[in-house]
Protein backbone atom coordinates (compact mmCIF):
# COMPACT_ATOMS: atom_id res chain seq x y z
CA MET A 1 34.45 -48.29 -6.09
CA THR A 2 36.98 -50.99 -5.05
CA SER A 3 37.05 -52.69 -1.65
CA PHE A 4 39.68 -55.06 -0.24
CA VAL A 5 39.19 -58.22 1.80
CA ILE A 6 42.48 -59.31 3.42
CA SER A 7 43.55 -62.41 5.38
CA PHE A 8 47.05 -63.08 6.80
CA ILE A 9 48.44 -66.57 7.38
CA ILE A 10 51.91 -67.08 8.87
CA ILE A 11 53.62 -70.47 8.77
CA TYR A 12 57.02 -71.01 10.35
CA MET A 13 58.83 -73.88 8.70
CA LYS A 14 60.98 -75.35 11.49
CA ALA A 15 64.31 -77.13 11.18
CA ALA A 16 62.56 -80.49 10.86
CA PHE A 17 61.82 -79.68 7.25
CA TYR A 18 65.51 -79.23 6.61
CA HIS A 19 66.10 -82.86 7.55
CA LEU A 20 63.06 -84.18 5.74
CA PHE A 21 63.93 -82.54 2.48
CA SER A 22 67.72 -82.15 2.91
CA ALA A 23 67.28 -78.62 1.66
CA SER A 24 66.44 -75.13 2.84
CA PHE A 25 63.73 -74.18 5.29
CA ALA A 26 62.01 -70.83 5.40
CA THR A 27 59.51 -68.55 6.89
CA ILE A 28 56.66 -68.11 4.47
CA ILE A 29 54.36 -65.16 4.97
CA PHE A 30 51.61 -64.82 2.48
CA LEU A 31 48.77 -62.38 1.93
CA ILE A 32 45.54 -63.30 0.27
CA CYS A 33 43.32 -60.53 -0.99
CA SER A 34 40.54 -60.02 -3.47
CA ASN A 35 39.82 -56.82 -5.36
CA SER A 36 36.04 -56.95 -5.24
CA MET A 37 34.42 -54.88 -7.96
CA LYS A 38 30.73 -54.14 -8.05
CA ALA A 39 30.69 -54.62 -11.83
CA GLN A 40 32.66 -57.89 -11.95
CA ALA A 41 33.91 -60.58 -9.54
CA PRO A 42 37.36 -61.97 -10.62
CA ASN A 43 38.05 -65.60 -9.70
CA ARG A 44 41.52 -64.92 -8.32
CA MET A 45 43.24 -64.30 -5.02
CA SER A 46 46.46 -62.31 -4.71
CA TYR A 47 49.29 -64.12 -2.93
CA GLN A 48 52.54 -62.72 -1.57
CA SER A 49 55.36 -64.76 -0.04
CA VAL A 50 58.67 -63.71 1.51
CA ILE A 51 61.25 -66.28 0.47
CA ARG A 52 64.36 -67.10 2.55
CA ASN A 53 67.01 -69.73 1.97
CA SER A 54 68.43 -72.29 4.42
CA SER A 55 70.76 -69.62 5.84
CA ASN A 56 67.74 -67.48 6.58
CA ASN A 57 68.84 -64.98 3.94
CA LEU A 58 66.32 -63.35 1.67
CA VAL A 59 66.13 -64.72 -1.87
CA VAL A 60 66.17 -61.43 -3.78
CA ASN A 61 65.74 -60.59 -7.46
CA GLN A 62 65.69 -64.26 -8.34
CA SER A 63 63.33 -66.51 -10.26
CA VAL A 64 61.51 -68.99 -8.02
CA ARG A 65 58.89 -71.59 -8.75
CA ILE A 66 55.82 -72.00 -6.53
CA LYS A 67 53.23 -74.74 -6.75
CA VAL A 68 49.88 -73.87 -5.22
CA SER A 69 47.31 -76.53 -4.33
CA ILE A 70 43.81 -76.25 -2.86
CA LEU A 71 43.09 -79.32 -0.69
CA ARG A 72 39.70 -80.52 0.50
CA ASN A 73 38.90 -80.97 4.22
CA THR A 74 42.36 -81.90 5.59
CA THR A 75 46.00 -80.94 5.20
CA SER A 76 46.52 -84.14 3.22
CA GLY A 77 43.14 -84.17 1.52
CA GLU A 78 42.11 -84.51 -2.13
CA VAL A 79 43.57 -81.87 -4.43
CA ALA A 80 40.69 -79.79 -5.71
CA TYR A 81 42.94 -77.63 -7.81
CA SER A 82 46.64 -77.00 -8.38
CA GLU A 83 48.72 -74.64 -10.48
CA ILE A 84 52.34 -73.61 -10.96
CA HIS A 85 53.87 -70.12 -11.00
CA THR A 86 57.32 -68.97 -11.98
CA VAL A 87 57.90 -65.52 -10.54
CA THR A 88 60.80 -63.23 -9.68
CA THR A 89 61.28 -62.00 -6.13
CA ASN A 90 61.87 -58.30 -5.53
CA ALA A 91 64.66 -56.60 -3.59
CA ASN A 92 62.87 -57.56 -0.33
CA GLY A 93 62.58 -61.24 -1.24
CA LEU A 94 58.85 -60.88 -1.91
CA ALA A 95 57.21 -63.08 -4.51
CA THR A 96 53.79 -61.99 -5.80
CA LEU A 97 51.28 -64.02 -7.77
CA GLU A 98 47.57 -64.53 -8.28
CA ILE A 99 46.04 -67.83 -7.23
CA GLY A 100 43.80 -68.85 -10.10
CA GLY A 101 46.09 -67.32 -12.70
CA GLY A 102 48.96 -69.83 -12.85
CA ALA A 103 49.70 -72.72 -15.18
CA ASN A 104 46.98 -75.26 -14.46
CA ALA A 105 48.27 -78.53 -13.08
CA SER A 106 44.92 -80.11 -12.15
CA GLY A 107 41.29 -79.20 -11.51
CA SER A 108 39.42 -75.93 -12.04
CA PHE A 109 39.82 -72.95 -9.71
CA SER A 110 36.61 -71.27 -10.85
CA GLY A 111 34.70 -74.50 -10.36
CA ILE A 112 35.50 -74.89 -6.66
CA ASP A 113 32.30 -74.79 -4.58
CA TRP A 114 33.63 -73.07 -1.48
CA SER A 115 30.38 -73.60 0.43
CA LYS A 116 30.53 -77.40 0.60
CA ASP A 117 33.87 -78.23 2.22
CA ASN A 118 36.69 -76.92 4.32
CA TYR A 119 39.69 -76.01 2.22
CA PHE A 120 43.42 -75.86 2.85
CA LEU A 121 46.05 -73.94 0.89
CA LYS A 122 49.29 -75.84 0.24
CA THR A 123 52.32 -74.07 -1.18
CA GLU A 124 55.52 -75.74 -2.42
CA THR A 125 58.47 -73.57 -3.35
CA ASP A 126 61.77 -74.13 -5.15
CA PRO A 127 63.87 -71.02 -4.47
CA THR A 128 66.17 -71.99 -7.39
CA GLY A 129 63.33 -71.88 -9.92
CA GLY A 130 63.23 -75.63 -10.59
CA THR A 131 60.89 -78.38 -9.49
CA ASN A 132 62.73 -79.47 -6.36
CA TYR A 133 60.15 -78.07 -3.93
CA THR A 134 61.95 -77.83 -0.61
CA ILE A 135 59.79 -75.26 1.17
CA THR A 136 56.35 -76.57 1.94
CA GLY A 137 53.52 -75.17 4.03
CA THR A 138 49.80 -75.88 4.48
CA ALA A 139 47.18 -73.81 6.27
CA GLN A 140 43.40 -73.80 6.39
CA LEU A 141 41.51 -71.21 4.40
CA LEU A 142 39.18 -70.07 7.18
CA SER A 143 37.75 -67.28 5.06
CA VAL A 144 37.24 -66.79 1.35
CA PRO A 145 36.41 -63.44 -0.29
CA TYR A 146 32.87 -62.59 -1.22
CA ALA A 147 33.90 -62.02 -4.82
CA LEU A 148 34.60 -65.72 -5.36
CA TYR A 149 30.97 -66.50 -4.47
CA SER A 150 29.11 -63.86 -6.38
CA SER A 151 28.88 -66.07 -9.50
CA LEU A 152 27.86 -69.23 -7.61
CA SER A 153 24.29 -68.32 -6.54
CA GLY A 154 21.96 -71.24 -6.06
CA ASN A 155 24.73 -73.60 -4.98
CA GLY A 156 23.99 -73.69 -1.26
CA ILE A 157 25.45 -70.28 -0.52
CA PRO A 158 23.80 -68.69 2.53
CA PRO A 159 21.66 -65.62 1.82
CA GLY A 160 23.02 -62.14 2.41
CA GLY A 161 26.65 -61.18 2.26
CA ASN A 162 28.30 -58.16 0.74
CA GLN A 163 31.63 -57.21 -0.76
CA GLU A 164 33.03 -56.29 2.65
CA GLN A 165 32.38 -59.78 4.05
CA LEU A 166 34.03 -63.18 3.94
CA LEU A 167 32.27 -66.50 3.57
CA THR A 168 33.79 -68.48 6.44
CA MET A 169 33.35 -72.09 7.48
CA CYS A 170 32.04 -71.89 11.04
CA ASN A 171 31.52 -75.32 12.63
CA GLY A 172 31.31 -76.78 9.13
CA VAL A 173 28.65 -74.31 7.99
CA PRO A 174 29.42 -71.52 5.48
CA THR A 175 28.70 -68.21 7.18
CA TRP A 176 29.12 -64.60 6.10
CA THR A 177 31.49 -62.93 8.56
CA THR A 178 33.41 -59.71 9.12
CA ASN A 179 37.19 -60.15 9.00
CA GLY A 180 36.75 -63.91 8.89
CA LYS A 181 35.78 -64.27 12.55
CA CYS A 182 33.01 -66.77 13.26
CA PRO A 183 30.06 -65.81 15.47
CA GLY A 184 30.58 -66.80 19.09
CA THR A 185 28.77 -69.85 20.44
CA ILE A 186 28.73 -71.40 23.91
CA ASN A 187 27.38 -74.52 25.52
CA ALA A 188 25.66 -72.84 28.47
CA LEU A 189 25.29 -69.67 30.51
CA ASN A 190 25.45 -69.99 34.28
CA CYS A 191 23.06 -67.33 35.51
CA THR A 192 23.36 -68.53 39.09
CA ASP A 193 27.11 -67.91 39.06
CA ILE A 194 27.26 -64.13 38.86
CA THR A 195 29.47 -61.58 40.58
CA ILE A 196 27.90 -58.19 41.28
CA SER A 197 29.98 -55.07 41.81
CA GLY A 198 28.04 -52.24 43.41
CA ILE A 199 24.65 -51.94 45.11
CA LEU A 200 21.44 -50.91 43.37
CA THR A 201 19.16 -48.62 45.35
CA ALA A 202 15.53 -47.86 44.51
CA GLY A 203 15.07 -44.39 43.06
CA LYS A 204 18.82 -43.70 42.77
CA ALA A 205 20.87 -43.86 39.57
CA ALA A 206 23.18 -46.85 39.38
CA CYS A 207 26.81 -45.99 40.09
CA ASP A 208 29.21 -45.96 37.16
CA GLU A 209 31.06 -48.82 38.82
CA THR A 210 28.01 -51.13 38.91
CA SER A 211 28.69 -54.25 36.86
CA VAL A 212 27.94 -57.95 36.65
CA SER A 213 30.23 -60.82 35.66
CA LEU A 214 28.44 -63.83 34.16
CA SER A 215 30.18 -67.17 33.52
CA TYR A 216 29.72 -69.48 30.54
CA THR A 217 30.99 -72.86 29.38
CA GLY A 218 32.02 -74.21 26.00
CA GLY A 219 33.03 -70.99 24.26
CA ASN A 220 34.29 -71.38 20.68
CA GLY A 221 36.58 -68.35 20.56
CA GLY A 222 34.18 -66.51 18.28
CA ILE A 223 33.05 -62.92 18.41
CA TYR A 224 29.91 -61.37 19.84
CA ASN A 225 28.32 -58.00 19.20
CA SER A 226 27.49 -55.30 21.70
CA GLN A 227 24.00 -55.67 23.16
CA THR A 228 21.67 -54.04 25.65
CA PHE A 229 19.01 -55.69 27.81
CA SER A 230 16.24 -53.90 29.72
CA SER A 231 15.20 -55.01 33.18
CA THR A 232 11.82 -56.48 34.04
CA LEU A 233 9.96 -56.73 37.35
CA VAL A 234 11.96 -53.79 38.71
CA THR A 235 12.19 -51.62 35.63
CA GLY A 236 14.38 -48.69 34.70
CA LEU A 237 17.75 -50.47 34.39
CA THR A 238 19.79 -51.42 31.34
CA ALA A 239 22.53 -54.05 31.11
CA THR A 240 25.11 -53.41 28.37
CA ILE A 241 27.66 -55.79 26.87
CA SER A 242 30.45 -54.36 24.73
CA SER A 243 31.47 -56.36 21.67
CA GLY A 244 34.28 -58.82 22.19
CA THR A 245 35.62 -62.34 21.73
CA LEU A 246 34.65 -65.44 23.68
CA GLN A 247 37.25 -67.64 25.35
CA ASN A 248 37.85 -71.11 24.02
CA GLY A 249 36.18 -73.23 26.70
CA ASN A 250 35.00 -71.63 29.92
CA GLY A 251 35.01 -67.91 30.55
CA SER A 252 33.00 -64.95 31.74
CA ILE A 253 31.50 -61.81 30.30
CA ASN A 254 30.96 -58.45 31.96
CA PHE A 255 27.89 -56.23 31.85
CA THR A 256 27.66 -52.62 32.94
CA ILE A 257 24.43 -51.60 34.65
CA SER A 258 22.94 -48.15 34.13
CA GLY A 259 19.65 -46.37 34.79
CA THR A 260 17.51 -45.80 37.86
CA PRO A 261 15.57 -48.71 39.38
CA SER A 262 11.88 -47.98 39.78
CA ALA A 263 11.43 -49.81 43.09
CA ALA A 264 13.00 -52.25 45.51
CA GLY A 265 12.96 -55.93 44.61
CA SER A 266 14.56 -57.97 41.82
CA ALA A 267 15.65 -56.52 38.49
CA ASN A 268 15.65 -59.36 35.95
CA PHE A 269 17.52 -59.41 32.65
CA ASN A 270 16.93 -61.97 29.90
CA VAL A 271 20.48 -62.33 28.60
CA LEU A 272 21.25 -63.81 25.16
CA LEU A 273 24.84 -64.77 24.33
CA GLY A 274 26.37 -67.22 21.91
CA GLY A 275 23.04 -68.80 21.05
CA LYS A 276 22.07 -69.41 24.71
CA SER A 277 19.89 -67.39 27.05
CA CYS A 278 19.07 -67.22 30.73
CA ILE A 279 17.70 -64.77 33.29
CA ILE A 280 19.95 -62.99 35.75
CA SER A 281 18.39 -61.38 38.79
CA LEU A 282 19.92 -58.39 40.58
CA PRO A 283 18.70 -57.24 44.01
CA VAL A 284 17.55 -53.64 44.40
CA ILE A 285 17.44 -52.41 48.01
CA SER A 286 14.96 -49.94 49.43
CA GLY A 287 17.57 -47.56 50.74
CA SER A 288 16.58 -47.85 54.39
CA PRO A 289 19.46 -46.57 56.53
CA PHE A 290 19.04 -49.51 58.92
CA ASN A 291 19.96 -53.17 58.75
CA THR A 292 16.58 -54.87 58.46
CA ASN A 293 18.07 -58.19 59.61
CA LEU A 294 18.87 -56.81 63.08
CA ILE A 295 16.71 -55.91 66.06
CA TYR A 296 16.86 -52.29 67.20
CA GLY A 297 15.82 -50.67 70.43
CA GLU A 298 14.68 -47.07 71.05
CA VAL A 299 15.53 -44.03 73.13
CA THR A 300 13.76 -40.66 73.35
CA ASP A 301 15.36 -37.25 73.94
CA ILE A 302 13.99 -34.21 75.79
CA ASP A 303 12.34 -32.95 72.59
CA ASN A 304 10.49 -36.28 72.23
CA ASN A 305 12.59 -37.28 69.23
CA THR A 306 12.84 -41.07 69.13
CA TYR A 307 16.00 -42.77 67.93
CA LYS A 308 16.78 -46.36 67.07
CA THR A 309 19.49 -48.00 69.17
CA ILE A 310 21.70 -51.01 68.56
CA GLN A 311 23.88 -53.19 70.78
CA ILE A 312 27.41 -53.68 69.47
CA ASP A 313 29.65 -55.83 71.63
CA GLU A 314 28.74 -54.86 75.21
CA SER A 315 27.69 -51.27 74.46
CA ILE A 316 24.39 -49.85 73.27
CA TRP A 317 24.77 -47.04 70.72
CA MET A 318 22.31 -44.69 69.12
CA ALA A 319 21.77 -45.84 65.51
CA GLU A 320 20.80 -42.34 64.39
CA ASN A 321 22.43 -38.92 64.57
CA LEU A 322 21.27 -36.63 67.37
CA ARG A 323 18.84 -33.82 66.47
CA VAL A 324 17.89 -32.47 69.89
CA SER A 325 17.61 -28.68 70.32
CA ARG A 326 17.74 -28.51 74.15
CA TYR A 327 20.06 -29.63 76.92
CA GLN A 328 18.87 -32.19 79.46
CA ASN A 329 17.83 -29.38 81.82
CA GLY A 330 15.57 -27.84 79.17
CA ASP A 331 17.79 -24.90 78.25
CA PRO A 332 17.88 -24.28 74.50
CA ILE A 333 21.06 -24.83 72.51
CA GLN A 334 21.58 -21.67 70.50
CA ASN A 335 21.06 -22.11 66.76
CA ILE A 336 23.60 -20.03 64.83
CA SER A 337 23.05 -19.58 61.09
CA ASN A 338 25.37 -16.65 60.36
CA ASN A 339 28.88 -17.72 59.35
CA THR A 340 30.65 -14.89 61.17
CA ASP A 341 28.70 -15.49 64.36
CA TRP A 342 29.49 -19.20 64.13
CA LYS A 343 33.19 -18.44 63.70
CA ASN A 344 33.37 -16.04 66.65
CA ASN A 345 31.28 -18.16 69.02
CA ASN A 346 32.90 -20.15 71.87
CA THR A 347 29.77 -21.44 73.61
CA GLY A 348 27.46 -24.35 72.85
CA ALA A 349 25.74 -24.05 69.44
CA LEU A 350 23.98 -26.11 66.81
CA CYS A 351 22.72 -25.77 63.25
CA SER A 352 21.06 -27.76 60.50
CA TYR A 353 23.15 -28.54 57.45
CA ASN A 354 22.97 -25.52 55.12
CA ASN A 355 20.66 -24.01 57.76
CA ASN A 356 17.86 -26.14 56.34
CA ASN A 357 16.05 -28.13 59.03
CA GLN A 358 14.72 -30.54 56.40
CA ASN A 359 18.18 -32.09 56.55
CA ASP A 360 17.68 -32.99 60.23
CA ILE A 361 15.92 -36.19 59.19
CA PRO A 362 17.74 -38.39 58.56
CA TYR A 363 21.14 -36.66 58.91
CA GLY A 364 20.64 -35.05 62.31
CA LYS A 365 21.89 -31.65 63.44
CA LEU A 366 25.49 -30.43 63.64
CA TYR A 367 26.92 -29.35 67.02
CA ASN A 368 30.11 -27.59 68.03
CA TRP A 369 32.22 -29.20 70.74
CA PHE A 370 31.17 -26.60 73.32
CA ALA A 371 27.65 -28.04 73.17
CA VAL A 372 28.96 -31.61 73.26
CA PHE A 373 31.25 -31.19 76.26
CA ASN A 374 28.83 -29.26 78.43
CA SER A 375 27.74 -29.81 81.99
CA LYS A 376 24.12 -29.40 80.89
CA LYS A 377 24.47 -32.54 78.72
CA ILE A 378 22.87 -32.97 75.29
CA CYS A 379 22.40 -36.76 75.25
CA PRO A 380 19.18 -38.31 76.61
CA ALA A 381 19.22 -39.08 80.34
CA GLY A 382 21.29 -42.21 81.03
CA TRP A 383 23.35 -41.67 77.87
CA HIS A 384 26.62 -39.82 77.19
CA ILE A 385 28.99 -38.63 74.46
CA PRO A 386 31.48 -41.47 73.77
CA THR A 387 35.11 -40.85 74.58
CA ASP A 388 37.80 -41.61 72.02
CA THR A 389 38.55 -44.76 74.03
CA GLU A 390 34.97 -45.94 73.53
CA TRP A 391 35.14 -45.18 69.80
CA SER A 392 38.41 -47.13 69.65
CA GLY A 393 36.76 -50.10 71.37
CA LEU A 394 34.01 -50.05 68.73
CA GLU A 395 36.59 -49.89 65.95
CA SER A 396 38.56 -52.82 67.39
CA PHE A 397 35.45 -54.98 67.85
CA LEU A 398 34.52 -54.39 64.20
CA GLY A 399 37.88 -55.54 62.89
CA GLY A 400 40.09 -52.46 62.87
CA ASN A 401 40.12 -49.12 61.14
CA SER A 402 40.49 -50.48 57.58
CA ILE A 403 37.15 -52.35 57.61
CA ALA A 404 35.19 -51.09 60.63
CA GLY A 405 33.77 -48.14 58.68
CA GLY A 406 32.16 -50.40 56.09
CA LYS A 407 30.45 -52.36 58.87
CA MET A 408 29.13 -49.08 60.30
CA LYS A 409 27.88 -47.36 57.14
CA SER A 410 24.34 -47.63 55.82
CA THR A 411 24.24 -49.49 52.52
CA GLY A 412 23.23 -48.28 49.09
CA THR A 413 23.45 -44.84 47.53
CA LYS A 414 20.26 -43.19 48.73
CA TYR A 415 22.23 -41.19 51.30
CA TRP A 416 25.88 -41.95 50.55
CA ASN A 417 27.31 -41.00 47.18
CA CYS A 418 28.70 -43.65 44.85
CA PRO A 419 30.50 -45.90 45.37
CA ASN A 420 29.83 -46.08 49.14
CA GLY A 421 32.85 -48.33 49.30
CA GLY A 422 32.86 -51.28 51.68
CA ALA A 423 29.44 -50.56 53.18
CA ASP A 424 27.43 -53.47 54.56
CA ASN A 425 26.10 -52.04 57.86
CA SER A 426 26.56 -55.45 59.43
CA SER A 427 26.95 -53.80 62.85
CA GLY A 428 23.65 -51.95 62.56
CA PHE A 429 25.37 -48.66 63.45
CA SER A 430 23.72 -47.17 60.34
CA ALA A 431 26.11 -44.26 59.86
CA LEU A 432 24.92 -41.51 57.52
CA PRO A 433 26.98 -38.78 55.80
CA GLY A 434 25.66 -35.69 57.55
CA GLY A 435 28.56 -33.53 56.39
CA LYS A 436 30.09 -30.86 58.59
CA ARG A 437 30.44 -27.15 59.22
CA ASP A 438 33.99 -25.86 59.55
CA ALA A 439 35.21 -23.26 62.03
CA ASP A 440 34.52 -20.48 59.49
CA GLY A 441 30.89 -21.53 59.17
CA ILE A 442 31.17 -23.20 55.75
CA PHE A 443 29.08 -26.34 55.12
CA PHE A 444 30.41 -29.25 53.07
CA ASP A 445 30.69 -33.06 52.77
CA ILE A 446 27.00 -33.99 53.03
CA ASN A 447 26.49 -37.35 51.24
CA THR A 448 30.26 -37.89 51.08
CA GLY A 449 31.42 -37.85 54.70
CA GLY A 450 30.21 -38.53 58.21
CA ASN A 451 31.91 -36.81 61.18
CA TRP A 452 31.24 -37.46 64.88
CA TRP A 453 32.58 -35.76 67.98
CA THR A 454 34.29 -37.62 70.78
CA ALA A 455 34.27 -36.34 74.37
CA THR A 456 38.07 -36.16 74.24
CA ASP A 457 40.04 -32.99 73.61
CA TYR A 458 43.81 -32.78 73.23
CA GLU A 459 44.53 -29.05 72.96
CA PRO A 460 42.72 -25.99 74.31
CA GLU A 461 41.25 -25.37 70.85
CA PHE A 462 41.06 -28.91 69.46
CA ALA A 463 39.09 -32.09 70.11
CA LEU A 464 39.12 -35.54 68.53
CA ASN A 465 36.49 -36.66 66.07
CA ARG A 466 35.76 -39.79 64.03
CA THR A 467 35.15 -39.82 60.26
CA LEU A 468 33.77 -42.08 57.53
CA SER A 469 34.00 -41.60 53.77
CA TYR A 470 31.88 -42.60 50.79
CA LEU A 471 35.04 -43.86 49.07
CA ASN A 472 35.99 -46.76 51.34
CA GLY A 473 35.39 -48.68 54.56
CA PHE A 474 38.02 -46.95 56.69
CA PHE A 475 37.17 -45.54 60.13
CA GLU A 476 39.50 -42.63 60.83
CA PHE A 477 40.12 -40.18 63.65
CA ASN A 478 41.15 -36.53 63.37
CA GLY A 479 41.60 -33.46 65.50
CA GLU A 480 39.44 -30.44 64.67
CA LEU A 481 38.80 -26.99 66.04
CA LYS A 482 36.17 -27.09 68.76
CA SER A 483 34.15 -24.44 66.91
CA SER A 484 33.54 -26.91 64.04
CA GLY A 485 30.11 -28.50 63.65
CA PHE A 486 29.85 -32.29 63.57
CA SER A 487 27.24 -35.00 64.04
CA VAL A 488 26.72 -36.59 67.45
CA ARG A 489 26.06 -40.16 68.54
CA CYS A 490 25.36 -41.09 72.15
CA VAL A 491 26.18 -44.34 73.97
CA LYS A 492 24.29 -45.72 76.94
CA ASP A 493 25.82 -45.27 80.40
């Protein structure tokens, strides 16, 4: 079985060489490869060069002479070995030879100890076949095929290696590599300089979009392999790095976070990259719908349900969705579960989402507009359904419709679906996605949308409502049929 190890080096010989040598300049493209056999390791490297003259025309079907030298450590270093080839280019101007198989000019190719020094390949070409070498190029041999080392055991060669690898000088140390790329190294990881995308919530799977960006200094441009790291303290999470290449100098690397955190607190990851390690700590929230940094009040309805309240600007709002089942005067609000009855009804009515009262906490009940705009009143005494003007005042105070929704939504993904875009609940409004029931009695949008009635209608059959989405931080308004079922918030008189 034969395998091939290939390296490309491209050297563009600029016009300066034309003046230095008063002759032609060229683009030299050469290919080094080794046919590595399991039974035998030949001490040669194949070389191919496209030859062009000073007019940039291909030198085709013509005898050319090429001198090849292996230099130690620098582009002008000691010649470890040199040889001369006389070859004929093909119809494409391609000259092919084997380094190690030419007429020896000095040194021994098979005796080169590739592990001890850096080496440079120098080529000198006379496109006329003589010894007036007018095309010269030098480039470092960053990688040398495994086959050239298989007969040199015991001479400082690092252990391991196989016929698919290259022995590469990495920071002056011979290292077995894939495709000649050195392992990545860095000077330091900065685990205090991280950028987190997404919010982790206890007991809820991390969103697909959850990621962390970690900065580093002193990258060497080398490669790193894919890795996974498991969380400690708060367990259940995995950080994954895909394989890639470090920047030269400073840069950053991205992790994706997956799994389900076991509890609230700090999820720690011991990250190892480029020979350095540090611990990154990601916060995991409890999933409380409220902003624990704010002070809430309370109000109680006629059914003795107690709700948190929050002052925003000069108004005091309920911070939970209404779930009362009676009007202020004690009359019951009819609970309609049948879709047809819901559709044909034009009087005050309520329901639980999917007709399951376990959804009432924390999402509240859904009410049609006939219950909301009713002389019997459904808000606690001293409270009322906010008009669209009052909702607009709230929106304006929170920065406008493009960001107000994020300031109103509860954080995390315990109640809202991923990604719960823009949510920070800085206002304390603590909006939850209680879904809705349309005019035909169909339930949908729980965990993805919140919908609240206003006390403002604009057509005999329509009234205004306010909406929030799991996708972003917008706070929108719509007009819906009054027979639809939405959540209700009350504001203090």
